[in-house]
Amino acid sequence: MRRKVGGCFILLIAISLCCRSALAGRILWDDSHDTDGDELTGNYAAFATLMASAGQTLVELNGSPGAITPQALNGMNAVYLWDTELAFTNSEITALHNFVAAGGGMFVAVGCRHGSADQ
């Protein structure tokens, strides 16, 4: 799905959406590194609805850098790092590394800034 957001095209890839029989999962949506409104109830409400209709549970992580901890990742099948604007702490990088090494999924998406070539 391509959606025009904030003057930029962002390609949304959700492999699990192509097959209704895909296992349902719990996905952590990181909003703790965002400064421009990429919330599930805001800019990405349609995406959240689409994921829910595919049987996925999205859990939004609010706060500030440092919020991604082993406890926050506990019980999650994947984490979405969506257009982050704030740096990750060393402890967050370690927590994410350990999460993926233990079999967790991670999807990283970056957006473009105004004035870019694909506006």
N, C-alpha and C. Protein backbone atom coordinates (compact mmCIF):
# COMPACT_ATOMS: atom_id res chain seq x y z
N MET A 1 0.85 -1.15 0.00
CA MET A 1 0.00 0.00 0.00
C MET A 1 0.90 1.23 0.00
N ARG A 2 0.63 2.17 -0.86
CA ARG A 2 1.34 3.45 -0.84
C ARG A 2 0.39 4.50 -0.34
N ARG A 3 0.85 5.30 0.56
CA ARG A 3 0.01 6.33 1.13
C ARG A 3 0.81 7.61 1.21
N LYS A 4 0.23 8.70 0.77
CA LYS A 4 0.90 9.99 0.85
C LYS A 4 0.73 10.52 2.27
N VAL A 5 1.83 10.73 2.94
CA VAL A 5 1.83 11.19 4.32
C VAL A 5 2.83 12.32 4.44
N GLY A 6 2.36 13.49 4.86
CA GLY A 6 3.26 14.60 5.10
C GLY A 6 4.11 14.96 3.90
N GLY A 7 3.56 14.86 2.70
CA GLY A 7 4.31 15.22 1.50
C GLY A 7 5.25 14.14 1.02
N CYS A 8 5.28 12.99 1.64
CA CYS A 8 6.19 11.91 1.26
C CYS A 8 5.40 10.64 0.99
N PHE A 9 5.92 9.84 0.10
CA PHE A 9 5.33 8.52 -0.10
C PHE A 9 6.02 7.53 0.81
N ILE A 10 5.24 6.80 1.55
CA ILE A 10 5.79 5.77 2.42
C ILE A 10 5.19 4.45 1.99
N LEU A 11 6.03 3.49 1.78
CA LEU A 11 5.58 2.16 1.40
C LEU A 11 5.34 1.36 2.66
N LEU A 12 4.09 0.95 2.86
CA LEU A 12 3.74 0.15 4.04
C LEU A 12 3.78 -1.31 3.64
N ILE A 13 4.63 -2.06 4.31
CA ILE A 13 4.77 -3.48 4.01
C ILE A 13 4.32 -4.26 5.23
N ALA A 14 3.32 -5.08 5.04
CA ALA A 14 2.86 -5.94 6.12
C ALA A 14 2.60 -7.31 5.52
N ILE A 15 3.60 -8.15 5.54
CA ILE A 15 3.53 -9.45 4.88
C ILE A 15 2.38 -10.27 5.42
N SER A 16 2.11 -10.15 6.70
CA SER A 16 1.05 -10.96 7.29
C SER A 16 -0.33 -10.60 6.76
N LEU A 17 -0.49 -9.44 6.14
CA LEU A 17 -1.80 -9.05 5.62
C LEU A 17 -2.20 -9.82 4.38
N CYS A 18 -1.26 -10.42 3.69
CA CYS A 18 -1.58 -11.09 2.44
C CYS A 18 -2.26 -12.44 2.67
N CYS A 19 -2.26 -12.90 3.87
CA CYS A 19 -2.81 -14.22 4.15
C CYS A 19 -3.58 -14.19 5.45
N ARG A 20 -4.88 -14.34 5.39
CA ARG A 20 -5.72 -14.32 6.58
C ARG A 20 -5.37 -15.45 7.55
N SER A 21 -4.75 -16.52 7.06
CA SER A 21 -4.42 -17.63 7.94
C SER A 21 -3.11 -17.42 8.70
N ALA A 22 -2.48 -16.27 8.49
CA ALA A 22 -1.24 -15.99 9.21
C ALA A 22 -1.52 -15.95 10.71
N LEU A 23 -0.58 -16.38 11.50
CA LEU A 23 -0.75 -16.38 12.94
C LEU A 23 -0.90 -14.96 13.46
N ALA A 24 -1.82 -14.81 14.39
CA ALA A 24 -1.98 -13.50 15.02
C ALA A 24 -0.78 -13.24 15.91
N GLY A 25 -0.39 -11.99 16.01
CA GLY A 25 0.76 -11.65 16.83
C GLY A 25 0.55 -10.35 17.58
N ARG A 26 1.41 -10.13 18.54
CA ARG A 26 1.43 -8.87 19.29
C ARG A 26 2.62 -8.07 18.79
N ILE A 27 2.36 -6.87 18.33
CA ILE A 27 3.37 -6.02 17.72
C ILE A 27 3.50 -4.73 18.51
N LEU A 28 4.71 -4.42 18.94
CA LEU A 28 4.97 -3.19 19.66
C LEU A 28 5.26 -2.08 18.65
N TRP A 29 4.47 -1.03 18.66
CA TRP A 29 4.64 0.14 17.79
C TRP A 29 5.36 1.20 18.60
N ASP A 30 6.61 1.48 18.25
CA ASP A 30 7.41 2.44 19.02
C ASP A 30 7.03 3.87 18.67
N ASP A 31 6.45 4.55 19.64
CA ASP A 31 6.15 5.98 19.49
C ASP A 31 7.03 6.79 20.44
N SER A 32 7.96 6.11 21.12
CA SER A 32 8.80 6.81 22.10
C SER A 32 9.98 7.54 21.44
N HIS A 33 10.18 7.35 20.16
CA HIS A 33 11.26 8.02 19.44
C HIS A 33 10.71 8.93 18.34
N ASP A 34 9.46 9.32 18.51
CA ASP A 34 8.76 10.11 17.49
C ASP A 34 8.53 11.53 17.99
N THR A 35 8.64 12.47 17.08
CA THR A 35 8.35 13.86 17.44
C THR A 35 7.33 14.51 16.51
N ASP A 36 6.83 13.76 15.51
CA ASP A 36 5.96 14.42 14.53
C ASP A 36 4.61 13.75 14.32
N GLY A 37 4.09 13.05 15.33
CA GLY A 37 2.71 12.59 15.28
C GLY A 37 2.44 11.28 14.59
N ASP A 38 3.36 10.33 14.63
CA ASP A 38 3.14 9.05 13.97
C ASP A 38 2.42 8.07 14.89
N GLU A 39 1.33 8.50 15.50
CA GLU A 39 0.59 7.65 16.43
C GLU A 39 -0.40 6.76 15.68
N LEU A 40 -0.74 5.65 16.33
CA LEU A 40 -1.70 4.72 15.76
C LEU A 40 -3.10 5.30 15.74
N THR A 41 -3.40 6.26 16.61
CA THR A 41 -4.71 6.89 16.61
C THR A 41 -4.72 8.17 15.79
N GLY A 42 -3.59 8.49 15.19
CA GLY A 42 -3.46 9.70 14.38
C GLY A 42 -3.16 9.35 12.94
N ASN A 43 -1.94 9.68 12.52
CA ASN A 43 -1.51 9.48 11.13
C ASN A 43 -1.70 8.05 10.63
N TYR A 44 -1.58 7.08 11.52
CA TYR A 44 -1.58 5.68 11.09
C TYR A 44 -2.79 4.90 11.59
N ALA A 45 -3.91 5.58 11.81
CA ALA A 45 -5.13 4.91 12.27
C ALA A 45 -5.62 3.90 11.24
N ALA A 46 -5.53 4.22 9.95
CA ALA A 46 -5.97 3.28 8.91
C ALA A 46 -5.09 2.03 8.90
N PHE A 47 -3.79 2.22 9.11
CA PHE A 47 -2.87 1.09 9.18
C PHE A 47 -3.21 0.22 10.38
N ALA A 48 -3.47 0.83 11.54
CA ALA A 48 -3.82 0.08 12.75
C ALA A 48 -5.10 -0.71 12.53
N THR A 49 -6.08 -0.13 11.86
CA THR A 49 -7.33 -0.83 11.57
C THR A 49 -7.08 -2.01 10.65
N LEU A 50 -6.28 -1.82 9.64
CA LEU A 50 -5.95 -2.88 8.69
C LEU A 50 -5.22 -4.03 9.39
N MET A 51 -4.28 -3.72 10.24
CA MET A 51 -3.56 -4.75 10.98
C MET A 51 -4.49 -5.51 11.92
N ALA A 52 -5.38 -4.79 12.59
CA ALA A 52 -6.34 -5.44 13.50
C ALA A 52 -7.27 -6.37 12.73
N SER A 53 -7.68 -5.96 11.54
CA SER A 53 -8.56 -6.82 10.73
C SER A 53 -7.83 -8.07 10.26
N ALA A 54 -6.51 -8.03 10.25
CA ALA A 54 -5.71 -9.20 9.88
C ALA A 54 -5.36 -10.05 11.10
N GLY A 55 -5.91 -9.68 12.26
CA GLY A 55 -5.70 -10.47 13.47
C GLY A 55 -4.49 -10.08 14.29
N GLN A 56 -3.84 -8.97 13.95
CA GLN A 56 -2.67 -8.52 14.69
C GLN A 56 -3.09 -7.57 15.81
N THR A 57 -2.39 -7.61 16.91
CA THR A 57 -2.63 -6.68 18.02
C THR A 57 -1.46 -5.71 18.07
N LEU A 58 -1.75 -4.44 17.87
CA LEU A 58 -0.72 -3.41 17.94
C LEU A 58 -0.77 -2.76 19.31
N VAL A 59 0.39 -2.68 19.95
CA VAL A 59 0.51 -2.05 21.26
C VAL A 59 1.42 -0.85 21.08
N GLU A 60 0.90 0.35 21.35
CA GLU A 60 1.68 1.56 21.16
C GLU A 60 2.52 1.85 22.39
N LEU A 61 3.82 2.04 22.18
CA LEU A 61 4.74 2.36 23.26
C LEU A 61 4.99 3.86 23.25
N ASN A 62 4.44 4.56 24.21
CA ASN A 62 4.64 5.99 24.33
C ASN A 62 5.77 6.25 25.32
N GLY A 63 6.14 7.49 25.44
CA GLY A 63 7.20 7.85 26.38
C GLY A 63 8.30 8.59 25.66
N SER A 64 9.50 8.36 26.12
CA SER A 64 10.67 9.02 25.54
C SER A 64 11.76 7.98 25.35
N PRO A 65 12.86 8.33 24.66
CA PRO A 65 13.93 7.37 24.50
C PRO A 65 14.31 6.74 25.84
N GLY A 66 14.50 5.44 25.79
CA GLY A 66 14.75 4.67 27.00
C GLY A 66 13.57 3.76 27.32
N ALA A 67 12.44 3.97 26.63
CA ALA A 67 11.22 3.21 26.91
C ALA A 67 11.27 1.78 26.38
N ILE A 68 12.12 1.50 25.38
CA ILE A 68 12.22 0.14 24.87
C ILE A 68 13.13 -0.65 25.82
N THR A 69 12.49 -1.53 26.56
CA THR A 69 13.19 -2.34 27.56
C THR A 69 12.82 -3.80 27.33
N PRO A 70 13.54 -4.72 27.95
CA PRO A 70 13.13 -6.12 27.86
C PRO A 70 11.70 -6.32 28.36
N GLN A 71 11.30 -5.56 29.37
CA GLN A 71 9.94 -5.67 29.89
C GLN A 71 8.91 -5.21 28.86
N ALA A 72 9.20 -4.11 28.14
CA ALA A 72 8.28 -3.61 27.12
C ALA A 72 8.16 -4.60 25.96
N LEU A 73 9.24 -5.32 25.66
CA LEU A 73 9.26 -6.28 24.56
C LEU A 73 8.72 -7.64 24.96
N ASN A 74 8.59 -7.88 26.26
CA ASN A 74 8.11 -9.17 26.75
C ASN A 74 6.68 -9.44 26.24
N GLY A 75 6.49 -10.59 25.66
CA GLY A 75 5.17 -10.98 25.14
C GLY A 75 4.88 -10.48 23.74
N MET A 76 5.83 -9.76 23.14
CA MET A 76 5.65 -9.25 21.78
C MET A 76 6.27 -10.24 20.78
N ASN A 77 5.67 -10.30 19.61
CA ASN A 77 6.22 -11.12 18.53
C ASN A 77 7.10 -10.30 17.60
N ALA A 78 6.83 -8.99 17.56
CA ALA A 78 7.59 -8.11 16.67
C ALA A 78 7.55 -6.69 17.23
N VAL A 79 8.45 -5.88 16.73
CA VAL A 79 8.48 -4.46 17.08
C VAL A 79 8.59 -3.67 15.78
N TYR A 80 7.80 -2.59 15.68
CA TYR A 80 7.86 -1.68 14.54
C TYR A 80 8.56 -0.42 15.00
N LEU A 81 9.66 -0.08 14.35
CA LEU A 81 10.37 1.18 14.59
C LEU A 81 10.03 2.08 13.41
N TRP A 82 9.16 3.02 13.64
CA TRP A 82 8.53 3.76 12.56
C TRP A 82 9.00 5.21 12.54
N ASP A 83 9.75 5.57 11.53
CA ASP A 83 10.15 6.96 11.29
C ASP A 83 10.65 7.64 12.57
N THR A 84 11.66 7.06 13.17
CA THR A 84 12.16 7.59 14.43
C THR A 84 12.94 8.88 14.20
N GLU A 85 12.72 9.82 15.10
CA GLU A 85 13.44 11.09 15.04
C GLU A 85 14.41 11.26 16.20
N LEU A 86 14.26 10.48 17.24
CA LEU A 86 15.11 10.59 18.43
C LEU A 86 16.00 9.35 18.53
N ALA A 87 17.21 9.54 19.00
CA ALA A 87 18.20 8.46 19.07
C ALA A 87 17.80 7.40 20.09
N PHE A 88 18.22 6.17 19.81
CA PHE A 88 18.04 5.05 20.73
C PHE A 88 19.16 5.07 21.76
N THR A 89 18.82 4.69 22.99
CA THR A 89 19.85 4.59 24.02
C THR A 89 20.60 3.28 23.83
N ASN A 90 21.76 3.17 24.45
CA ASN A 90 22.53 1.93 24.39
C ASN A 90 21.74 0.75 24.94
N SER A 91 20.99 0.99 26.02
CA SER A 91 20.21 -0.11 26.60
C SER A 91 19.08 -0.53 25.68
N GLU A 92 18.50 0.41 24.93
CA GLU A 92 17.46 0.05 23.96
C GLU A 92 18.04 -0.79 22.82
N ILE A 93 19.22 -0.40 22.34
CA ILE A 93 19.87 -1.15 21.27
C ILE A 93 20.16 -2.58 21.73
N THR A 94 20.62 -2.71 22.95
CA THR A 94 20.87 -4.05 23.51
C THR A 94 19.58 -4.84 23.63
N ALA A 95 18.52 -4.21 24.12
CA ALA A 95 17.23 -4.89 24.28
C ALA A 95 16.69 -5.34 22.92
N LEU A 96 16.81 -4.49 21.90
CA LEU A 96 16.34 -4.85 20.56
C LEU A 96 17.18 -5.98 19.97
N HIS A 97 18.48 -5.89 20.14
CA HIS A 97 19.37 -6.95 19.65
C HIS A 97 19.00 -8.29 20.29
N ASN A 98 18.84 -8.30 21.59
CA ASN A 98 18.49 -9.53 22.29
C ASN A 98 17.12 -10.05 21.88
N PHE A 99 16.18 -9.15 21.66
CA PHE A 99 14.83 -9.52 21.23
C PHE A 99 14.87 -10.23 19.88
N VAL A 100 15.59 -9.67 18.93
CA VAL A 100 15.70 -10.27 17.60
C VAL A 100 16.50 -11.57 17.66
N ALA A 101 17.58 -11.58 18.44
CA ALA A 101 18.40 -12.80 18.57
C ALA A 101 17.60 -13.95 19.15
N ALA A 102 16.58 -13.62 19.96
CA ALA A 102 15.74 -14.65 20.58
C ALA A 102 14.57 -15.04 19.68
N GLY A 103 14.51 -14.48 18.46
CA GLY A 103 13.47 -14.87 17.51
C GLY A 103 12.39 -13.84 17.26
N GLY A 104 12.45 -12.69 17.93
CA GLY A 104 11.47 -11.63 17.70
C GLY A 104 11.69 -10.97 16.34
N GLY A 105 10.64 -10.45 15.79
CA GLY A 105 10.73 -9.75 14.50
C GLY A 105 10.90 -8.26 14.70
N MET A 106 11.52 -7.62 13.73
CA MET A 106 11.69 -6.17 13.78
C MET A 106 11.49 -5.62 12.38
N PHE A 107 10.65 -4.59 12.29
CA PHE A 107 10.40 -3.89 11.04
C PHE A 107 10.81 -2.44 11.25
N VAL A 108 11.69 -1.95 10.39
CA VAL A 108 12.17 -0.58 10.51
C VAL A 108 11.75 0.18 9.26
N ALA A 109 11.08 1.31 9.46
CA ALA A 109 10.66 2.14 8.33
C ALA A 109 11.16 3.56 8.57
N VAL A 110 11.64 4.15 7.52
CA VAL A 110 12.09 5.53 7.60
C VAL A 110 11.31 6.34 6.58
N GLY A 111 11.04 7.57 6.92
CA GLY A 111 10.33 8.46 6.02
C GLY A 111 11.29 9.44 5.39
N CYS A 112 10.77 10.19 4.49
CA CYS A 112 11.58 11.24 3.89
C CYS A 112 11.20 12.57 4.51
N ARG A 113 12.02 13.51 4.34
CA ARG A 113 11.77 14.85 4.89
C ARG A 113 11.29 15.77 3.77
N HIS A 114 10.59 16.81 4.17
CA HIS A 114 10.12 17.77 3.17
C HIS A 114 11.29 18.32 2.37
N GLY A 115 11.06 18.48 1.10
CA GLY A 115 12.11 18.97 0.23
C GLY A 115 12.89 17.87 -0.44
N SER A 116 12.50 16.63 -0.18
CA SER A 116 13.22 15.51 -0.80
C SER A 116 12.79 15.33 -2.24
N ALA A 117 13.50 14.51 -2.95
CA ALA A 117 13.28 14.33 -4.37
C ALA A 117 11.94 13.68 -4.71
N ASP A 118 11.36 12.90 -3.78
CA ASP A 118 10.12 12.22 -4.14
C ASP A 118 8.87 12.92 -3.65
N GLN A 119 8.96 14.20 -3.39
CA GLN A 119 7.79 14.95 -2.94
C GLN A 119 6.83 15.16 -4.06
